[in-house]
C-alpha atoms as a PDB file:
ATOM      1  CA  UNK A   1     121.284 102.045  72.349  1.00  0.00           C
ATOM      2  CA  UNK A   2     119.578 103.053  75.550  1.00  0.00           C
ATOM      3  CA  UNK A   3     118.779 101.272  78.764  1.00  0.00           C
ATOM      4  CA  UNK A   4     115.099 101.350  79.662  1.00  0.00           C
ATOM      5  CA  UNK A   5     113.174 100.716  82.886  1.00  0.00           C
ATOM      6  CA  UNK A   6     112.048  97.456  81.404  1.00  0.00           C
ATOM      7  CA  UNK A   7     115.678  96.471  80.818  1.00  0.00           C
ATOM      8  CA  UNK A   8     116.484  97.152  84.449  1.00  0.00           C
ATOM      9  CA  UNK A   9     113.485  95.025  85.497  1.00  0.00           C
ATOM     10  CA  UNK A  10     114.883  92.143  83.503  1.00  0.00           C
ATOM     11  CA  UNK A  11     118.327  92.553  85.104  1.00  0.00           C
ATOM     12  CA  UNK A  12     116.718  92.533  88.578  1.00  0.00           C
ATOM     13  CA  UNK A  13     114.871  89.352  87.761  1.00  0.00           C
ATOM     14  CA  UNK A  14     118.100  87.798  86.398  1.00  0.00           C
ATOM     15  CA  UNK A  15     119.979  88.637  89.594  1.00  0.00           C
ATOM     16  CA  UNK A  16     117.116  87.206  91.702  1.00  0.00           C
ATOM     17  CA  UNK A  17     117.268  83.928  89.762  1.00  0.00           C
ATOM     18  CA  UNK A  18     121.103  83.806  89.977  1.00  0.00           C
ATOM     19  CA  UNK A  19     120.949  84.256  93.740  1.00  0.00           C
ATOM     20  CA  UNK A  20     118.304  81.569  94.105  1.00  0.00           C
ATOM     21  CA  UNK A  21     120.450  79.159  92.052  1.00  0.00           C
ATOM     22  CA  UNK A  22     123.542  79.830  94.109  1.00  0.00           C
ATOM     23  CA  UNK A  23     125.600  81.655  91.476  1.00  0.00           C
ATOM     24  CA  UNK A  24     127.205  83.922  93.988  1.00  0.00           C
ATOM     25  CA  UNK A  25     129.295  83.144  97.069  1.00  0.00           C
ATOM     26  CA  UNK A  26     128.081  84.063 100.476  1.00  0.00           C
ATOM     27  CA  UNK A  27     130.558  86.933 100.594  1.00  0.00           C
ATOM     28  CA  UNK A  28     129.109  88.370  97.294  1.00  0.00           C
ATOM     29  CA  UNK A  29     125.432  88.011  98.137  1.00  0.00           C
ATOM     30  CA  UNK A  30     125.337  90.887 100.586  1.00  0.00           C
ATOM     31  CA  UNK A  31     126.667  93.503  98.166  1.00  0.00           C
ATOM     32  CA  UNK A  32     124.573  92.147  95.333  1.00  0.00           C
ATOM     33  CA  UNK A  33     121.496  92.075  97.543  1.00  0.00           C
ATOM     34  CA  UNK A  34     122.030  95.700  98.537  1.00  0.00           C
ATOM     35  CA  UNK A  35     122.389  96.795  94.922  1.00  0.00           C
ATOM     36  CA  UNK A  36     119.315  94.754  93.918  1.00  0.00           C
ATOM     37  CA  UNK A  37     117.311  96.405  96.707  1.00  0.00           C
ATOM     38  CA  UNK A  38     118.306  99.867  95.498  1.00  0.00           C
ATOM     39  CA  UNK A  39     117.397  98.908  91.920  1.00  0.00           C
ATOM     40  CA  UNK A  40     114.034  97.602  93.120  1.00  0.00           C
ATOM     41  CA  UNK A  41     113.325 100.912  94.899  1.00  0.00           C
ATOM     42  CA  UNK A  42     114.291 102.813  91.808  1.00  0.00           C
ATOM     43  CA  UNK A  43     112.022 100.714  89.660  1.00  0.00           C
ATOM     44  CA  UNK A  44     109.132 101.228  91.992  1.00  0.00           C
ATOM     45  CA  UNK A  45     109.592 104.944  91.953  1.00  0.00           C
ATOM     46  CA  UNK A  46     109.879 105.007  88.129  1.00  0.00           C
ATOM     47  CA  UNK A  47     106.697 103.000  87.894  1.00  0.00           C
ATOM     48  CA  UNK A  48     104.844 105.352  90.196  1.00  0.00           C
ATOM     49  CA  UNK A  49     106.041 108.372  88.208  1.00  0.00           C
ATOM     50  CA  UNK A  50     104.995 106.721  84.978  1.00  0.00           C
ATOM     51  CA  UNK A  51     101.505 105.945  86.387  1.00  0.00           C
ATOM     52  CA  UNK A  52     101.123 109.521  87.718  1.00  0.00           C
ATOM     53  CA  UNK A  53     102.159 110.948  84.332  1.00  0.00           C
ATOM     54  CA  UNK A  54      99.717 108.641  82.533  1.00  0.00           C
ATOM     55  CA  UNK A  55      96.900 109.621  84.800  1.00  0.00           C
ATOM     56  CA  UNK A  56      97.717 113.289  84.313  1.00  0.00           C
ATOM     57  CA  UNK A  57      97.799 112.839  80.544  1.00  0.00           C
ATOM     58  CA  UNK A  58      94.451 111.017  80.593  1.00  0.00           C
ATOM     59  CA  UNK A  59      92.916 113.761  82.746  1.00  0.00           C
ATOM     60  CA  UNK A  60      94.073 116.358  80.274  1.00  0.00           C
ATOM     61  CA  UNK A  61      92.594 114.421  77.318  1.00  0.00           C
ATOM     62  CA  UNK A  62      89.037 114.371  78.753  1.00  0.00           C
ATOM     63  CA  UNK A  63      86.781 116.004  76.148  1.00  0.00           C
ATOM     64  CA  UNK A  64      85.049 119.139  77.151  1.00  0.00           C
ATOM     65  CA  UNK A  65      81.370 118.763  77.678  1.00  0.00           C
ATOM     66  CA  UNK A  66      79.411 120.573  74.890  1.00  0.00           C
ATOM     67  CA  UNK A  67      76.947 123.188  76.074  1.00  0.00           C
ATOM     68  CA  UNK A  68      73.365 122.039  75.714  1.00  0.00           C
ATOM     69  CA  UNK A  69      71.131 124.129  73.468  1.00  0.00           C
ATOM     70  CA  UNK A  70      67.818 122.617  74.422  1.00  0.00           C
ATOM     71  CA  UNK A  71      67.705 123.248  78.180  1.00  0.00           C
ATOM     72  CA  UNK A  72      65.384 125.661  79.987  1.00  0.00           C
ATOM     73  CA  UNK A  73      67.816 128.525  79.460  1.00  0.00           C
ATOM     74  CA  UNK A  74      68.015 128.009  75.691  1.00  0.00           C
ATOM     75  CA  UNK A  75      66.638 130.805  73.519  1.00  0.00           C
ATOM     76  CA  UNK A  76      63.094 130.256  72.285  1.00  0.00           C
ATOM     77  CA  UNK A  77      62.713 129.303  68.645  1.00  0.00           C
ATOM     78  CA  UNK A  78      61.130 131.995  66.530  1.00  0.00           C
END
């Protein structure tokens, strides 16, 4: 089994809910908040990288424009 970026997003959401519901003591919230902030920054960077890779892939998949054969430079029909 592998951990995905989506799995990490779910964990971040679970931590956020737990903190809002008071599941951690005041002494624990600081360390958990710091870790959650680092995880959030990691997820942002991963999302930006995924979007850049997708844009690059889409740019590479653009079909080449076929050369026109009926323009002013086309050979005259015999």
